[in-house]
């Protein structure tokens, strides 16, 4: 999995790339995370996406919308690491 910046994400989205997505936290103090998965990772569920991305981020907890442009439904809301 590769983390993207917003410009990379938008350029890939405009060019029709499908194996991209973003994680939107409900906590406004945390930023949106943009990412691209490899073909081998396209079967990852929303929780596995969060697990992988959060390996390189400070521990994050709360509610997130995980957007995977290659799945149906495209948006899944997850309560992650709730105490």
C-alpha atoms as a PDB file:
ATOM      1  CA  UNK A   1       0.000   0.000   0.000  1.00  0.00           C
ATOM      2  CA  UNK A   2       1.229   3.466  -0.855  1.00  0.00           C
ATOM      3  CA  UNK A   3       0.114   6.637   0.837  1.00  0.00           C
ATOM      4  CA  UNK A   4      -0.646   9.507  -1.546  1.00  0.00           C
ATOM      5  CA  UNK A   5      -0.928  13.237  -1.174  1.00  0.00           C
ATOM      6  CA  UNK A   6      -4.145  14.971  -2.210  1.00  0.00           C
ATOM      7  CA  UNK A   7      -2.813  16.095  -5.593  1.00  0.00           C
ATOM      8  CA  UNK A   8      -1.606  12.581  -6.499  1.00  0.00           C
ATOM      9  CA  UNK A   9      -4.964  11.168  -5.430  1.00  0.00           C
ATOM     10  CA  UNK A  10      -6.952  13.698  -7.459  1.00  0.00           C
ATOM     11  CA  UNK A  11      -4.773  13.163 -10.553  1.00  0.00           C
ATOM     12  CA  UNK A  12      -5.183   9.381 -10.316  1.00  0.00           C
ATOM     13  CA  UNK A  13      -8.935   9.716  -9.735  1.00  0.00           C
ATOM     14  CA  UNK A  14      -9.280  11.978 -12.787  1.00  0.00           C
ATOM     15  CA  UNK A  15      -7.320   9.506 -14.911  1.00  0.00           C
ATOM     16  CA  UNK A  16      -9.704   6.695 -13.945  1.00  0.00           C
ATOM     17  CA  UNK A  17      -7.531   4.782 -11.459  1.00  0.00           C
ATOM     18  CA  UNK A  18      -9.660   2.451  -9.363  1.00  0.00           C
ATOM     19  CA  UNK A  19      -7.335   0.982  -6.727  1.00  0.00           C
ATOM     20  CA  UNK A  20      -7.264   4.223  -4.756  1.00  0.00           C
ATOM     21  CA  UNK A  21      -9.199   5.549  -1.816  1.00  0.00           C
ATOM     22  CA  UNK A  22      -9.220   7.773   1.199  1.00  0.00           C
ATOM     23  CA  UNK A  23      -9.889   7.608   4.914  1.00  0.00           C
ATOM     24  CA  UNK A  24     -11.925  10.460   6.334  1.00  0.00           C
ATOM     25  CA  UNK A  25     -11.902  10.819  10.116  1.00  0.00           C
ATOM     26  CA  UNK A  26     -14.982  12.150  11.884  1.00  0.00           C
ATOM     27  CA  UNK A  27     -12.559  13.998  14.205  1.00  0.00           C
ATOM     28  CA  UNK A  28     -11.802  17.216  12.328  1.00  0.00           C
ATOM     29  CA  UNK A  29      -8.379  17.539  13.987  1.00  0.00           C
ATOM     30  CA  UNK A  30      -7.107  14.465  12.098  1.00  0.00           C
ATOM     31  CA  UNK A  31      -6.368  14.815   8.401  1.00  0.00           C
ATOM     32  CA  UNK A  32      -7.678  12.811   5.462  1.00  0.00           C
ATOM     33  CA  UNK A  33      -5.401   9.940   4.420  1.00  0.00           C
ATOM     34  CA  UNK A  34      -5.174   9.164   0.693  1.00  0.00           C
ATOM     35  CA  UNK A  35      -3.844   5.806  -0.478  1.00  0.00           C
ATOM     36  CA  UNK A  36      -3.372   3.352  -3.331  1.00  0.00           C
ATOM     37  CA  UNK A  37      -3.404  -0.427  -2.957  1.00  0.00           C
ATOM     38  CA  UNK A  38      -1.629  -3.011  -5.063  1.00  0.00           C
ATOM     39  CA  UNK A  39      -3.723  -5.530  -7.015  1.00  0.00           C
ATOM     40  CA  UNK A  40      -2.873  -8.114  -4.332  1.00  0.00           C
ATOM     41  CA  UNK A  41      -4.433  -5.852  -1.667  1.00  0.00           C
ATOM     42  CA  UNK A  42      -7.722  -5.141  -3.428  1.00  0.00           C
ATOM     43  CA  UNK A  43      -9.454  -7.776  -1.282  1.00  0.00           C
ATOM     44  CA  UNK A  44      -8.619  -5.867   1.919  1.00  0.00           C
ATOM     45  CA  UNK A  45     -11.686  -4.991   3.960  1.00  0.00           C
ATOM     46  CA  UNK A  46     -12.061  -1.479   5.389  1.00  0.00           C
ATOM     47  CA  UNK A  47     -10.579  -2.531   8.744  1.00  0.00           C
ATOM     48  CA  UNK A  48      -7.510  -4.022   7.037  1.00  0.00           C
ATOM     49  CA  UNK A  49      -7.031  -0.745   5.156  1.00  0.00           C
ATOM     50  CA  UNK A  50      -7.067   1.129   8.484  1.00  0.00           C
ATOM     51  CA  UNK A  51      -4.775  -1.436  10.131  1.00  0.00           C
ATOM     52  CA  UNK A  52      -2.208  -1.006   7.360  1.00  0.00           C
ATOM     53  CA  UNK A  53      -2.337   2.788   7.149  1.00  0.00           C
ATOM     54  CA  UNK A  54      -2.215   3.279  10.894  1.00  0.00           C
ATOM     55  CA  UNK A  55       1.069   1.368  11.124  1.00  0.00           C
ATOM     56  CA  UNK A  56       2.734   4.609  10.037  1.00  0.00           C
ATOM     57  CA  UNK A  57       0.465   7.058  11.891  1.00  0.00           C
ATOM     58  CA  UNK A  58       0.048   7.948  15.524  1.00  0.00           C
ATOM     59  CA  UNK A  59      -2.561   5.775  17.201  1.00  0.00           C
ATOM     60  CA  UNK A  60      -5.892   6.971  15.938  1.00  0.00           C
ATOM     61  CA  UNK A  61      -9.220   6.101  17.441  1.00  0.00           C
ATOM     62  CA  UNK A  62     -12.777   6.916  16.561  1.00  0.00           C
ATOM     63  CA  UNK A  63     -15.075   6.818  13.608  1.00  0.00           C
ATOM     64  CA  UNK A  64     -13.801   6.854  10.030  1.00  0.00           C
ATOM     65  CA  UNK A  65     -15.300   6.663   6.559  1.00  0.00           C
ATOM     66  CA  UNK A  66     -13.121   4.311   4.521  1.00  0.00           C
ATOM     67  CA  UNK A  67     -13.574   4.936   0.812  1.00  0.00           C
ATOM     68  CA  UNK A  68     -12.395   2.214  -1.563  1.00  0.00           C
ATOM     69  CA  UNK A  69     -13.175   3.187  -5.158  1.00  0.00           C
ATOM     70  CA  UNK A  70     -12.985  -0.411  -6.357  1.00  0.00           C
ATOM     71  CA  UNK A  71     -15.674  -1.879  -4.056  1.00  0.00           C
ATOM     72  CA  UNK A  72     -19.402  -1.893  -3.540  1.00  0.00           C
ATOM     73  CA  UNK A  73     -20.371  -0.282  -1.283  1.00  0.00           C
ATOM     74  CA  UNK A  74     -17.677   2.262  -1.897  1.00  0.00           C
ATOM     75  CA  UNK A  75     -17.931   3.899   1.549  1.00  0.00           C
ATOM     76  CA  UNK A  76     -17.831   1.964   4.836  1.00  0.00           C
ATOM     77  CA  UNK A  77     -18.043   3.643   8.252  1.00  0.00           C
ATOM     78  CA  UNK A  78     -15.835   2.015  10.902  1.00  0.00           C
ATOM     79  CA  UNK A  79     -15.530   2.594  14.646  1.00  0.00           C
ATOM     80  CA  UNK A  80     -11.821   1.891  15.036  1.00  0.00           C
ATOM     81  CA  UNK A  81      -9.997   1.108  18.300  1.00  0.00           C
ATOM     82  CA  UNK A  82     -12.801   2.361  20.456  1.00  0.00           C
ATOM     83  CA  UNK A  83     -12.033   1.837  24.167  1.00  0.00           C
END
